[in-house]
C-alpha atoms as a PDB file:
ATOM      1  CA  UNK A   1      33.575-130.088  19.081  1.00  0.00           C
ATOM      2  CA  UNK A   2      31.967-134.090  19.717  1.00  0.00           C
ATOM      3  CA  UNK A   3      29.260-132.855  18.654  1.00  0.00           C
ATOM      4  CA  UNK A   4      29.995-131.374  15.188  1.00  0.00           C
ATOM      5  CA  UNK A   5      31.713-134.251  13.918  1.00  0.00           C
ATOM      6  CA  UNK A   6      29.145-137.231  14.991  1.00  0.00           C
ATOM      7  CA  UNK A   7      26.733-134.588  13.451  1.00  0.00           C
ATOM      8  CA  UNK A   8      29.518-134.353   9.723  1.00  0.00           C
ATOM      9  CA  UNK A   9      29.340-138.142  10.843  1.00  0.00           C
ATOM     10  CA  UNK A  10      26.500-139.030  10.769  1.00  0.00           C
ATOM     11  CA  UNK A  11      25.447-137.188   7.020  1.00  0.00           C
ATOM     12  CA  UNK A  12      28.726-138.871   5.582  1.00  0.00           C
ATOM     13  CA  UNK A  13      28.162-142.607   6.853  1.00  0.00           C
ATOM     14  CA  UNK A  14      24.357-142.478   5.949  1.00  0.00           C
ATOM     15  CA  UNK A  15      25.377-140.593   1.826  1.00  0.00           C
ATOM     16  CA  UNK A  16      28.002-143.161   1.529  1.00  0.00           C
ATOM     17  CA  UNK A  17      25.786-146.316   2.158  1.00  0.00           C
ATOM     18  CA  UNK A  18      22.588-145.284   0.831  1.00  0.00           C
ATOM     19  CA  UNK A  19      25.221-144.921  -2.402  1.00  0.00           C
ATOM     20  CA  UNK A  20      26.308-148.329  -2.077  1.00  0.00           C
ATOM     21  CA  UNK A  21      23.361-149.677  -1.344  1.00  0.00           C
ATOM     22  CA  UNK A  22      22.253-147.574  -4.699  1.00  0.00           C
ATOM     23  CA  UNK A  23      24.228-149.860  -7.166  1.00  0.00           C
ATOM     24  CA  UNK A  24      22.545-153.006  -5.481  1.00  0.00           C
ATOM     25  CA  UNK A  25      18.400-152.357  -5.467  1.00  0.00           C
ATOM     26  CA  UNK A  26      18.056-150.382  -8.892  1.00  0.00           C
ATOM     27  CA  UNK A  27      19.381-153.360 -11.010  1.00  0.00           C
ATOM     28  CA  UNK A  28      17.749-155.959  -8.676  1.00  0.00           C
ATOM     29  CA  UNK A  29      13.827-153.335  -8.835  1.00  0.00           C
ATOM     30  CA  UNK A  30      14.393-153.547 -12.456  1.00  0.00           C
ATOM     31  CA  UNK A  31      15.098-156.450 -13.164  1.00  0.00           C
ATOM     32  CA  UNK A  32      11.868-157.467 -11.098  1.00  0.00           C
ATOM     33  CA  UNK A  33       9.716-155.028 -13.680  1.00  0.00           C
ATOM     34  CA  UNK A  34       8.352-153.278 -10.447  1.00  0.00           C
ATOM     35  CA  UNK A  35       7.993-149.900 -13.171  1.00  0.00           C
ATOM     36  CA  UNK A  36       5.632-146.999 -12.330  1.00  0.00           C
ATOM     37  CA  UNK A  37       2.944-146.203 -14.376  1.00  0.00           C
ATOM     38  CA  UNK A  38       1.811-143.229 -15.526  1.00  0.00           C
ATOM     39  CA  UNK A  39      -1.425-141.817 -15.800  1.00  0.00           C
ATOM     40  CA  UNK A  40      -2.062-139.822 -19.079  1.00  0.00           C
ATOM     41  CA  UNK A  41      -3.461-136.996 -16.732  1.00  0.00           C
ATOM     42  CA  UNK A  42       0.005-136.274 -16.013  1.00  0.00           C
ATOM     43  CA  UNK A  43       0.622-135.116 -19.933  1.00  0.00           C
ATOM     44  CA  UNK A  44       2.806-136.581 -22.420  1.00  0.00           C
ATOM     45  CA  UNK A  45       6.398-135.392 -20.773  1.00  0.00           C
ATOM     46  CA  UNK A  46       5.498-137.855 -17.554  1.00  0.00           C
ATOM     47  CA  UNK A  47       4.855-140.536 -20.106  1.00  0.00           C
ATOM     48  CA  UNK A  48       8.259-141.250 -21.260  1.00  0.00           C
ATOM     49  CA  UNK A  49       8.820-142.126 -17.331  1.00  0.00           C
ATOM     50  CA  UNK A  50       6.643-145.248 -17.527  1.00  0.00           C
ATOM     51  CA  UNK A  51       8.288-148.412 -16.060  1.00  0.00           C
ATOM     52  CA  UNK A  52      10.970-146.355 -14.007  1.00  0.00           C
ATOM     53  CA  UNK A  53      11.444-148.580 -11.134  1.00  0.00           C
ATOM     54  CA  UNK A  54       9.331-147.560  -8.397  1.00  0.00           C
ATOM     55  CA  UNK A  55       9.986-148.318  -4.571  1.00  0.00           C
ATOM     56  CA  UNK A  56      13.224-147.135  -4.078  1.00  0.00           C
ATOM     57  CA  UNK A  57      12.887-145.715  -0.977  1.00  0.00           C
ATOM     58  CA  UNK A  58      13.852-148.606   0.345  1.00  0.00           C
ATOM     59  CA  UNK A  59      17.291-147.045  -0.512  1.00  0.00           C
ATOM     60  CA  UNK A  60      17.191-144.188   2.601  1.00  0.00           C
ATOM     61  CA  UNK A  61      15.001-146.411   4.532  1.00  0.00           C
ATOM     62  CA  UNK A  62      17.538-149.391   4.991  1.00  0.00           C
ATOM     63  CA  UNK A  63      20.946-146.905   4.657  1.00  0.00           C
ATOM     64  CA  UNK A  64      19.464-145.432   7.865  1.00  0.00           C
ATOM     65  CA  UNK A  65      18.581-148.253   9.696  1.00  0.00           C
ATOM     66  CA  UNK A  66      21.395-150.165   9.180  1.00  0.00           C
ATOM     67  CA  UNK A  67      23.684-146.436  10.258  1.00  0.00           C
ATOM     68  CA  UNK A  68      21.912-145.839  12.739  1.00  0.00           C
ATOM     69  CA  UNK A  69      21.854-149.294  14.069  1.00  0.00           C
ATOM     70  CA  UNK A  70      26.003-148.968  13.804  1.00  0.00           C
ATOM     71  CA  UNK A  71      25.676-145.818  15.926  1.00  0.00           C
ATOM     72  CA  UNK A  72      23.695-147.632  18.247  1.00  0.00           C
ATOM     73  CA  UNK A  73      26.288-150.711  18.443  1.00  0.00           C
ATOM     74  CA  UNK A  74      29.563-148.864  18.479  1.00  0.00           C
ATOM     75  CA  UNK A  75      27.804-146.984  21.164  1.00  0.00           C
ATOM     76  CA  UNK A  76      27.969-143.760  19.354  1.00  0.00           C
ATOM     77  CA  UNK A  77      24.238-142.899  19.572  1.00  0.00           C
ATOM     78  CA  UNK A  78      22.418-143.782  23.550  1.00  0.00           C
ATOM     79  CA  UNK A  79      19.453-145.918  22.319  1.00  0.00           C
ATOM     80  CA  UNK A  80      15.767-144.287  23.984  1.00  0.00           C
ATOM     81  CA  UNK A  81      12.435-144.626  23.375  1.00  0.00           C
ATOM     82  CA  UNK A  82      11.561-141.657  21.844  1.00  0.00           C
ATOM     83  CA  UNK A  83      14.233-143.091  18.663  1.00  0.00           C
ATOM     84  CA  UNK A  84      12.468-146.427  18.681  1.00  0.00           C
ATOM     85  CA  UNK A  85       9.625-143.980  18.365  1.00  0.00           C
ATOM     86  CA  UNK A  86      11.354-142.299  15.663  1.00  0.00           C
ATOM     87  CA  UNK A  87      12.113-145.710  13.830  1.00  0.00           C
ATOM     88  CA  UNK A  88       8.842-147.591  14.136  1.00  0.00           C
ATOM     89  CA  UNK A  89       7.117-144.759  12.717  1.00  0.00           C
ATOM     90  CA  UNK A  90       9.875-144.776   9.857  1.00  0.00           C
ATOM     91  CA  UNK A  91       9.732-148.202   9.177  1.00  0.00           C
ATOM     92  CA  UNK A  92       5.817-149.313   9.830  1.00  0.00           C
ATOM     93  CA  UNK A  93       4.627-146.282   7.166  1.00  0.00           C
ATOM     94  CA  UNK A  94       7.804-147.235   4.619  1.00  0.00           C
ATOM     95  CA  UNK A  95       5.986-150.901   4.958  1.00  0.00           C
ATOM     96  CA  UNK A  96       2.354-149.190   4.682  1.00  0.00           C
ATOM     97  CA  UNK A  97       4.138-147.787   1.434  1.00  0.00           C
ATOM     98  CA  UNK A  98       5.736-150.837   0.253  1.00  0.00           C
ATOM     99  CA  UNK A  99       2.356-152.377   0.717  1.00  0.00           C
ATOM    100  CA  UNK A 100       0.205-150.201  -1.189  1.00  0.00           C
ATOM    101  CA  UNK A 101       3.307-150.123  -4.392  1.00  0.00           C
ATOM    102  CA  UNK A 102       3.386-153.960  -4.016  1.00  0.00           C
ATOM    103  CA  UNK A 103      -0.747-153.672  -4.905  1.00  0.00           C
ATOM    104  CA  UNK A 104      -0.096-151.307  -7.345  1.00  0.00           C
ATOM    105  CA  UNK A 105       2.597-153.246  -9.152  1.00  0.00           C
ATOM    106  CA  UNK A 106       0.957-156.565  -9.078  1.00  0.00           C
ATOM    107  CA  UNK A 107      -2.397-155.098  -9.941  1.00  0.00           C
ATOM    108  CA  UNK A 108      -1.240-153.444 -13.316  1.00  0.00           C
ATOM    109  CA  UNK A 109      -2.612-149.774 -12.224  1.00  0.00           C
ATOM    110  CA  UNK A 110      -2.160-146.731  -9.455  1.00  0.00           C
ATOM    111  CA  UNK A 111      -4.605-148.342  -7.009  1.00  0.00           C
ATOM    112  CA  UNK A 112      -2.852-150.666  -3.868  1.00  0.00           C
ATOM    113  CA  UNK A 113      -4.409-149.887  -0.728  1.00  0.00           C
ATOM    114  CA  UNK A 114      -7.836-148.154  -0.523  1.00  0.00           C
ATOM    115  CA  UNK A 115      -7.971-145.117   1.978  1.00  0.00           C
ATOM    116  CA  UNK A 116     -10.026-146.636   4.551  1.00  0.00           C
ATOM    117  CA  UNK A 117      -6.887-149.429   4.621  1.00  0.00           C
ATOM    118  CA  UNK A 118      -4.190-147.123   4.635  1.00  0.00           C
ATOM    119  CA  UNK A 119      -6.243-145.022   7.690  1.00  0.00           C
ATOM    120  CA  UNK A 120      -6.152-148.420   9.916  1.00  0.00           C
ATOM    121  CA  UNK A 121      -2.773-149.092   9.381  1.00  0.00           C
ATOM    122  CA  UNK A 122      -1.777-145.703  10.125  1.00  0.00           C
ATOM    123  CA  UNK A 123      -3.931-145.756  13.539  1.00  0.00           C
ATOM    124  CA  UNK A 124      -2.065-148.624  14.041  1.00  0.00           C
ATOM    125  CA  UNK A 125       0.886-147.026  14.211  1.00  0.00           C
ATOM    126  CA  UNK A 126      -0.509-144.530  16.354  1.00  0.00           C
ATOM    127  CA  UNK A 127      -1.562-146.557  19.000  1.00  0.00           C
ATOM    128  CA  UNK A 128       1.401-148.089  19.009  1.00  0.00           C
ATOM    129  CA  UNK A 129       3.602-144.167  19.267  1.00  0.00           C
ATOM    130  CA  UNK A 130       1.266-143.294  21.929  1.00  0.00           C
ATOM    131  CA  UNK A 131       1.073-145.989  23.908  1.00  0.00           C
ATOM    132  CA  UNK A 132       5.014-145.917  24.193  1.00  0.00           C
ATOM    133  CA  UNK A 133       5.122-142.087  24.404  1.00  0.00           C
ATOM    134  CA  UNK A 134       2.673-142.211  27.627  1.00  0.00           C
ATOM    135  CA  UNK A 135       4.531-145.327  29.150  1.00  0.00           C
ATOM    136  CA  UNK A 136       7.156-143.024  29.211  1.00  0.00           C
ATOM    137  CA  UNK A 137       5.707-140.132  30.446  1.00  0.00           C
ATOM    138  CA  UNK A 138       5.507-138.060  27.992  1.00  0.00           C
ATOM    139  CA  UNK A 139       4.037-134.549  27.370  1.00  0.00           C
ATOM    140  CA  UNK A 140       0.295-134.541  26.581  1.00  0.00           C
ATOM    141  CA  UNK A 141       0.057-130.654  26.421  1.00  0.00           C
ATOM    142  CA  UNK A 142      -0.147-128.484  23.834  1.00  0.00           C
ATOM    143  CA  UNK A 143       2.703-126.287  24.017  1.00  0.00           C
ATOM    144  CA  UNK A 144       4.179-122.936  22.645  1.00  0.00           C
ATOM    145  CA  UNK A 145       6.035-120.435  25.006  1.00  0.00           C
ATOM    146  CA  UNK A 146       6.346-117.588  22.707  1.00  0.00           C
ATOM    147  CA  UNK A 147       2.721-117.602  21.721  1.00  0.00           C
ATOM    148  CA  UNK A 148       1.784-118.461  25.764  1.00  0.00           C
ATOM    149  CA  UNK A 149       0.170-121.388  24.191  1.00  0.00           C
ATOM    150  CA  UNK A 150      -0.332-124.169  27.412  1.00  0.00           C
ATOM    151  CA  UNK A 151      -3.281-126.684  26.373  1.00  0.00           C
ATOM    152  CA  UNK A 152      -3.062-129.589  28.346  1.00  0.00           C
ATOM    153  CA  UNK A 153      -5.080-132.556  25.771  1.00  0.00           C
ATOM    154  CA  UNK A 154      -4.749-135.915  27.944  1.00  0.00           C
ATOM    155  CA  UNK A 155      -5.522-138.566  25.730  1.00  0.00           C
ATOM    156  CA  UNK A 156      -7.072-137.168  23.032  1.00  0.00           C
ATOM    157  CA  UNK A 157      -3.175-136.012  22.351  1.00  0.00           C
ATOM    158  CA  UNK A 158      -3.578-139.540  20.963  1.00  0.00           C
ATOM    159  CA  UNK A 159      -5.737-138.257  18.142  1.00  0.00           C
ATOM    160  CA  UNK A 160      -3.566-135.171  17.693  1.00  0.00           C
ATOM    161  CA  UNK A 161      -0.485-137.789  16.971  1.00  0.00           C
ATOM    162  CA  UNK A 162      -2.627-139.433  14.069  1.00  0.00           C
ATOM    163  CA  UNK A 163      -3.373-136.451  12.721  1.00  0.00           C
ATOM    164  CA  UNK A 164      -0.254-135.120  12.094  1.00  0.00           C
ATOM    165  CA  UNK A 165       1.351-138.372  10.929  1.00  0.00           C
ATOM    166  CA  UNK A 166      -1.204-139.257   8.528  1.00  0.00           C
ATOM    167  CA  UNK A 167      -1.003-134.838   7.038  1.00  0.00           C
ATOM    168  CA  UNK A 168       2.579-135.419   6.461  1.00  0.00           C
ATOM    169  CA  UNK A 169       2.730-138.311   5.566  1.00  0.00           C
ATOM    170  CA  UNK A 170       0.148-137.237   2.511  1.00  0.00           C
ATOM    171  CA  UNK A 171       1.952-133.943   2.468  1.00  0.00           C
ATOM    172  CA  UNK A 172       5.063-135.141   1.064  1.00  0.00           C
ATOM    173  CA  UNK A 173       3.169-137.998  -1.133  1.00  0.00           C
ATOM    174  CA  UNK A 174       1.531-135.526  -2.496  1.00  0.00           C
ATOM    175  CA  UNK A 175       4.850-133.241  -3.509  1.00  0.00           C
ATOM    176  CA  UNK A 176       6.283-136.887  -4.945  1.00  0.00           C
ATOM    177  CA  UNK A 177       5.996-135.751  -8.825  1.00  0.00           C
ATOM    178  CA  UNK A 178       8.862-134.470 -10.043  1.00  0.00           C
ATOM    179  CA  UNK A 179      12.225-135.739 -10.049  1.00  0.00           C
ATOM    180  CA  UNK A 180      13.690-135.055  -6.872  1.00  0.00           C
ATOM    181  CA  UNK A 181      11.552-133.012  -5.655  1.00  0.00           C
ATOM    182  CA  UNK A 182      10.463-134.660  -2.534  1.00  0.00           C
ATOM    183  CA  UNK A 183      13.711-136.157  -1.974  1.00  0.00           C
ATOM    184  CA  UNK A 184      15.561-132.918  -2.353  1.00  0.00           C
ATOM    185  CA  UNK A 185      12.896-130.737   0.147  1.00  0.00           C
ATOM    186  CA  UNK A 186      12.737-133.444   2.360  1.00  0.00           C
ATOM    187  CA  UNK A 187      16.651-133.437   3.079  1.00  0.00           C
ATOM    188  CA  UNK A 188      16.179-129.684   3.584  1.00  0.00           C
ATOM    189  CA  UNK A 189      13.848-130.543   6.067  1.00  0.00           C
ATOM    190  CA  UNK A 190      15.910-132.813   8.039  1.00  0.00           C
ATOM    191  CA  UNK A 191      18.570-131.261   8.537  1.00  0.00           C
ATOM    192  CA  UNK A 192      16.281-127.855   9.863  1.00  0.00           C
ATOM    193  CA  UNK A 193      14.303-130.674  12.192  1.00  0.00           C
ATOM    194  CA  UNK A 194      18.161-132.181  13.113  1.00  0.00           C
ATOM    195  CA  UNK A 195      19.489-128.236  14.178  1.00  0.00           C
ATOM    196  CA  UNK A 196      16.275-127.616  15.972  1.00  0.00           C
ATOM    197  CA  UNK A 197      16.529-131.136  17.361  1.00  0.00           C
ATOM    198  CA  UNK A 198      20.059-130.792  18.856  1.00  0.00           C
ATOM    199  CA  UNK A 199      19.910-127.250  19.710  1.00  0.00           C
ATOM    200  CA  UNK A 200      17.069-127.876  22.044  1.00  0.00           C
ATOM    201  CA  UNK A 201      18.397-131.532  23.785  1.00  0.00           C
ATOM    202  CA  UNK A 202      17.265-134.260  21.449  1.00  0.00           C
ATOM    203  CA  UNK A 203      20.880-135.861  20.357  1.00  0.00           C
ATOM    204  CA  UNK A 204      19.976-138.751  19.424  1.00  0.00           C
ATOM    205  CA  UNK A 205      17.048-137.477  17.094  1.00  0.00           C
ATOM    206  CA  UNK A 206      19.301-134.764  15.546  1.00  0.00           C
ATOM    207  CA  UNK A 207      21.688-137.751  15.156  1.00  0.00           C
ATOM    208  CA  UNK A 208      18.974-139.129  13.176  1.00  0.00           C
ATOM    209  CA  UNK A 209      17.755-136.925  10.867  1.00  0.00           C
ATOM    210  CA  UNK A 210      21.243-136.266  10.134  1.00  0.00           C
ATOM    211  CA  UNK A 211      21.910-139.781   8.866  1.00  0.00           C
ATOM    212  CA  UNK A 212      18.624-139.751   7.182  1.00  0.00           C
ATOM    213  CA  UNK A 213      19.558-136.437   5.367  1.00  0.00           C
ATOM    214  CA  UNK A 214      22.354-137.951   4.493  1.00  0.00           C
ATOM    215  CA  UNK A 215      20.954-141.050   3.145  1.00  0.00           C
ATOM    216  CA  UNK A 216      18.373-138.960   1.268  1.00  0.00           C
ATOM    217  CA  UNK A 217      21.198-137.255  -0.545  1.00  0.00           C
ATOM    218  CA  UNK A 218      22.966-140.876  -1.057  1.00  0.00           C
ATOM    219  CA  UNK A 219      19.037-142.017  -3.123  1.00  0.00           C
ATOM    220  CA  UNK A 220      19.048-138.623  -5.151  1.00  0.00           C
ATOM    221  CA  UNK A 221      21.825-139.500  -6.790  1.00  0.00           C
ATOM    222  CA  UNK A 222      19.672-142.140  -8.934  1.00  0.00           C
ATOM    223  CA  UNK A 223      16.561-139.851  -8.326  1.00  0.00           C
ATOM    224  CA  UNK A 224      17.194-136.769  -9.745  1.00  0.00           C
ATOM    225  CA  UNK A 225      16.359-135.286 -13.122  1.00  0.00           C
ATOM    226  CA  UNK A 226      16.039-137.872 -15.157  1.00  0.00           C
ATOM    227  CA  UNK A 227      14.904-140.304 -12.623  1.00  0.00           C
ATOM    228  CA  UNK A 228      17.057-143.763 -12.790  1.00  0.00           C
ATOM    229  CA  UNK A 229      14.424-145.176  -9.869  1.00  0.00           C
ATOM    230  CA  UNK A 230      11.345-143.381  -7.948  1.00  0.00           C
ATOM    231  CA  UNK A 231      10.877-143.680  -4.323  1.00  0.00           C
ATOM    232  CA  UNK A 232       7.594-144.571  -4.099  1.00  0.00           C
ATOM    233  CA  UNK A 233       5.354-144.503  -2.070  1.00  0.00           C
ATOM    234  CA  UNK A 234       7.439-146.475   0.169  1.00  0.00           C
ATOM    235  CA  UNK A 235       9.416-143.869   0.441  1.00  0.00           C
ATOM    236  CA  UNK A 236       7.333-140.786   0.830  1.00  0.00           C
ATOM    237  CA  UNK A 237       5.266-142.875   3.640  1.00  0.00           C
ATOM    238  CA  UNK A 238       7.746-143.290   5.267  1.00  0.00           C
ATOM    239  CA  UNK A 239       9.549-139.325   5.267  1.00  0.00           C
ATOM    240  CA  UNK A 240       6.548-137.943   6.058  1.00  0.00           C
ATOM    241  CA  UNK A 241       5.893-140.390   9.071  1.00  0.00           C
ATOM    242  CA  UNK A 242       9.448-139.292  10.111  1.00  0.00           C
ATOM    243  CA  UNK A 243       8.720-135.921   9.745  1.00  0.00           C
ATOM    244  CA  UNK A 244       5.767-136.259  11.884  1.00  0.00           C
ATOM    245  CA  UNK A 245       6.753-137.989  14.687  1.00  0.00           C
ATOM    246  CA  UNK A 246      10.130-135.870  14.967  1.00  0.00           C
ATOM    247  CA  UNK A 247       8.383-132.600  15.546  1.00  0.00           C
ATOM    248  CA  UNK A 248       5.693-134.527  17.804  1.00  0.00           C
ATOM    249  CA  UNK A 249       8.908-135.755  20.142  1.00  0.00           C
ATOM    250  CA  UNK A 250      10.430-132.623  20.114  1.00  0.00           C
ATOM    251  CA  UNK A 251       6.726-129.855  21.073  1.00  0.00           C
ATOM    252  CA  UNK A 252       7.440-128.774  17.674  1.00  0.00           C
ATOM    253  CA  UNK A 253       4.104-128.895  15.783  1.00  0.00           C
ATOM    254  CA  UNK A 254       4.643-124.836  14.620  1.00  0.00           C
ATOM    255  CA  UNK A 255       7.615-125.309  13.706  1.00  0.00           C
ATOM    256  CA  UNK A 256       6.595-128.500  11.495  1.00  0.00           C
ATOM    257  CA  UNK A 257       3.985-126.185   9.335  1.00  0.00           C
ATOM    258  CA  UNK A 258       7.178-123.170   8.583  1.00  0.00           C
ATOM    259  CA  UNK A 259      10.036-126.247   7.687  1.00  0.00           C
ATOM    260  CA  UNK A 260       7.018-128.345   5.471  1.00  0.00           C
ATOM    261  CA  UNK A 261       5.600-124.908   4.290  1.00  0.00           C
ATOM    262  CA  UNK A 262       6.760-126.579   0.564  1.00  0.00           C
ATOM    263  CA  UNK A 263       4.590-129.902   1.468  1.00  0.00           C
ATOM    264  CA  UNK A 264       1.563-127.807   3.041  1.00  0.00           C
ATOM    265  CA  UNK A 265       0.949-125.928  -0.108  1.00  0.00           C
ATOM    266  CA  UNK A 266       1.389-128.767  -2.639  1.00  0.00           C
ATOM    267  CA  UNK A 267      -1.301-129.976  -0.288  1.00  0.00           C
ATOM    268  CA  UNK A 268      -3.305-126.735   0.189  1.00  0.00           C
ATOM    269  CA  UNK A 269      -3.893-126.651  -3.617  1.00  0.00           C
ATOM    270  CA  UNK A 270      -5.143-130.021  -4.520  1.00  0.00           C
ATOM    271  CA  UNK A 271      -7.595-129.242  -1.441  1.00  0.00           C
ATOM    272  CA  UNK A 272      -8.333-125.692  -3.158  1.00  0.00           C
ATOM    273  CA  UNK A 273      -8.629-127.007  -6.305  1.00  0.00           C
ATOM    274  CA  UNK A 274     -11.123-130.203  -4.959  1.00  0.00           C
ATOM    275  CA  UNK A 275     -13.302-127.619  -3.572  1.00  0.00           C
ATOM    276  CA  UNK A 276     -13.621-125.167  -6.655  1.00  0.00           C
ATOM    277  CA  UNK A 277     -14.429-127.749  -8.929  1.00  0.00           C
ATOM    278  CA  UNK A 278     -17.020-129.341  -6.924  1.00  0.00           C
ATOM    279  CA  UNK A 279     -18.571-126.663  -5.334  1.00  0.00           C
ATOM    280  CA  UNK A 280     -18.168-123.812  -7.388  1.00  0.00           C
ATOM    281  CA  UNK A 281     -17.394-125.891 -10.840  1.00  0.00           C
ATOM    282  CA  UNK A 282     -14.179-123.739 -11.854  1.00  0.00           C
ATOM    283  CA  UNK A 283     -10.538-124.723 -11.817  1.00  0.00           C
ATOM    284  CA  UNK A 284      -7.827-122.037  -9.600  1.00  0.00           C
ATOM    285  CA  UNK A 285      -5.175-124.065 -11.018  1.00  0.00           C
ATOM    286  CA  UNK A 286      -3.899-125.753 -14.450  1.00  0.00           C
ATOM    287  CA  UNK A 287      -3.267-128.841 -12.324  1.00  0.00           C
ATOM    288  CA  UNK A 288      -2.439-129.431  -9.210  1.00  0.00           C
ATOM    289  CA  UNK A 289      -0.670-130.650  -6.973  1.00  0.00           C
ATOM    290  CA  UNK A 290       1.157-127.533  -7.405  1.00  0.00           C
ATOM    291  CA  UNK A 291       3.799-127.997  -9.146  1.00  0.00           C
ATOM    292  CA  UNK A 292       1.904-129.455 -12.037  1.00  0.00           C
ATOM    293  CA  UNK A 293       0.322-126.380 -12.586  1.00  0.00           C
ATOM    294  CA  UNK A 294       3.619-124.711 -13.222  1.00  0.00           C
ATOM    295  CA  UNK A 295       4.422-128.139 -16.035  1.00  0.00           C
ATOM    296  CA  UNK A 296       1.586-126.780 -17.491  1.00  0.00           C
ATOM    297  CA  UNK A 297       2.579-123.068 -17.715  1.00  0.00           C
ATOM    298  CA  UNK A 298       5.693-124.455 -19.363  1.00  0.00           C
ATOM    299  CA  UNK A 299       8.328-124.058 -17.083  1.00  0.00           C
ATOM    300  CA  UNK A 300      10.928-126.885 -17.080  1.00  0.00           C
ATOM    301  CA  UNK A 301      10.736-129.661 -14.709  1.00  0.00           C
ATOM    302  CA  UNK A 302      14.253-129.281 -13.301  1.00  0.00           C
ATOM    303  CA  UNK A 303      13.604-125.414 -13.134  1.00  0.00           C
ATOM    304  CA  UNK A 304      10.344-126.326 -10.802  1.00  0.00           C
ATOM    305  CA  UNK A 305      12.506-128.613  -8.471  1.00  0.00           C
ATOM    306  CA  UNK A 306      15.470-126.659  -7.915  1.00  0.00           C
ATOM    307  CA  UNK A 307      12.483-123.478  -6.672  1.00  0.00           C
ATOM    308  CA  UNK A 308      11.302-125.267  -4.596  1.00  0.00           C
ATOM    309  CA  UNK A 309      14.180-126.718  -2.785  1.00  0.00           C
ATOM    310  CA  UNK A 310      15.081-122.474  -2.711  1.00  0.00           C
ATOM    311  CA  UNK A 311      11.505-121.792  -0.774  1.00  0.00           C
ATOM    312  CA  UNK A 312      12.169-125.125   0.735  1.00  0.00           C
ATOM    313  CA  UNK A 313      15.746-124.152   2.053  1.00  0.00           C
ATOM    314  CA  UNK A 314      14.768-120.494   3.185  1.00  0.00           C
ATOM    315  CA  UNK A 315      11.441-121.861   4.775  1.00  0.00           C
ATOM    316  CA  UNK A 316      13.755-124.249   6.549  1.00  0.00           C
ATOM    317  CA  UNK A 317      15.721-121.348   7.970  1.00  0.00           C
ATOM    318  CA  UNK A 318      12.569-119.301   9.698  1.00  0.00           C
ATOM    319  CA  UNK A 319      11.795-122.910  10.427  1.00  0.00           C
ATOM    320  CA  UNK A 320      14.682-123.537  12.956  1.00  0.00           C
ATOM    321  CA  UNK A 321      15.195-119.865  14.207  1.00  0.00           C
ATOM    322  CA  UNK A 322      10.996-120.487  15.321  1.00  0.00           C
ATOM    323  CA  UNK A 323      12.340-123.398  16.737  1.00  0.00           C
ATOM    324  CA  UNK A 324      14.854-122.772  19.077  1.00  0.00           C
ATOM    325  CA  UNK A 325      13.254-120.042  20.129  1.00  0.00           C
ATOM    326  CA  UNK A 326      10.138-121.837  20.567  1.00  0.00           C
END
């Protein structure tokens, strides 16, 4: 009962802090003219969104950090190295995204950090992750009990960490193309990982996931259609990084594929389209990522978001069953 109360409290506080911060941060971003530039490639329906403030991910990043700090200082949550790693990855990727957004706005286009600059910064975060993880005796085996897989990876596990972090951050980033889409799917995914974490004995990570979920829902007050603010790379990279880190630390890497299924499908649509255009010289989809394909088919933005959320919820429920019984 105590754990249930703590879980509800975590979601509620995260939500309230984010909702309050949004009232302050959104007007500040608008006053600073940190508006998103919209490419003509995505069509006239999105062009009207040009000038909407970006970097809104600051809202749920700050809300989550403030809430977690409060819970740690009041001894409601025990600070552990695992929690420290998640916070480092979450904040670190948020800073990479912030720098990318800042440079895009300063240059007056959507070109911020280069691919290699982003990768270098992500490598640094992955190295810090791996150092702390190894220092505290972290498991370097890839284990899936139900499939009888137990593969010792040794120091190659550091590369494995990097691949998951890069993959998850890019997947969330690509999905962030419609109002509330990436935010809603992320909230659903973090609820799933919270329940998995709590059930398999990672209470610290579980509470963090619930706080982050509440903070994202608070952010959605301002990000759902019609969006008053976009999360930007600041938010999408932070969410993807945290998602990947939690999957690694709870040893539920395969579960991530299920829970984050919609993000992965969105990413695969881009890969398939790129390969098809370059090799076969024809398109498979009208436009990628996949949510834009449905827009080209004439679907309303809100209908696409709701449909993707439903699929995200179904996959999250399947991921919980898979993750707990793994």
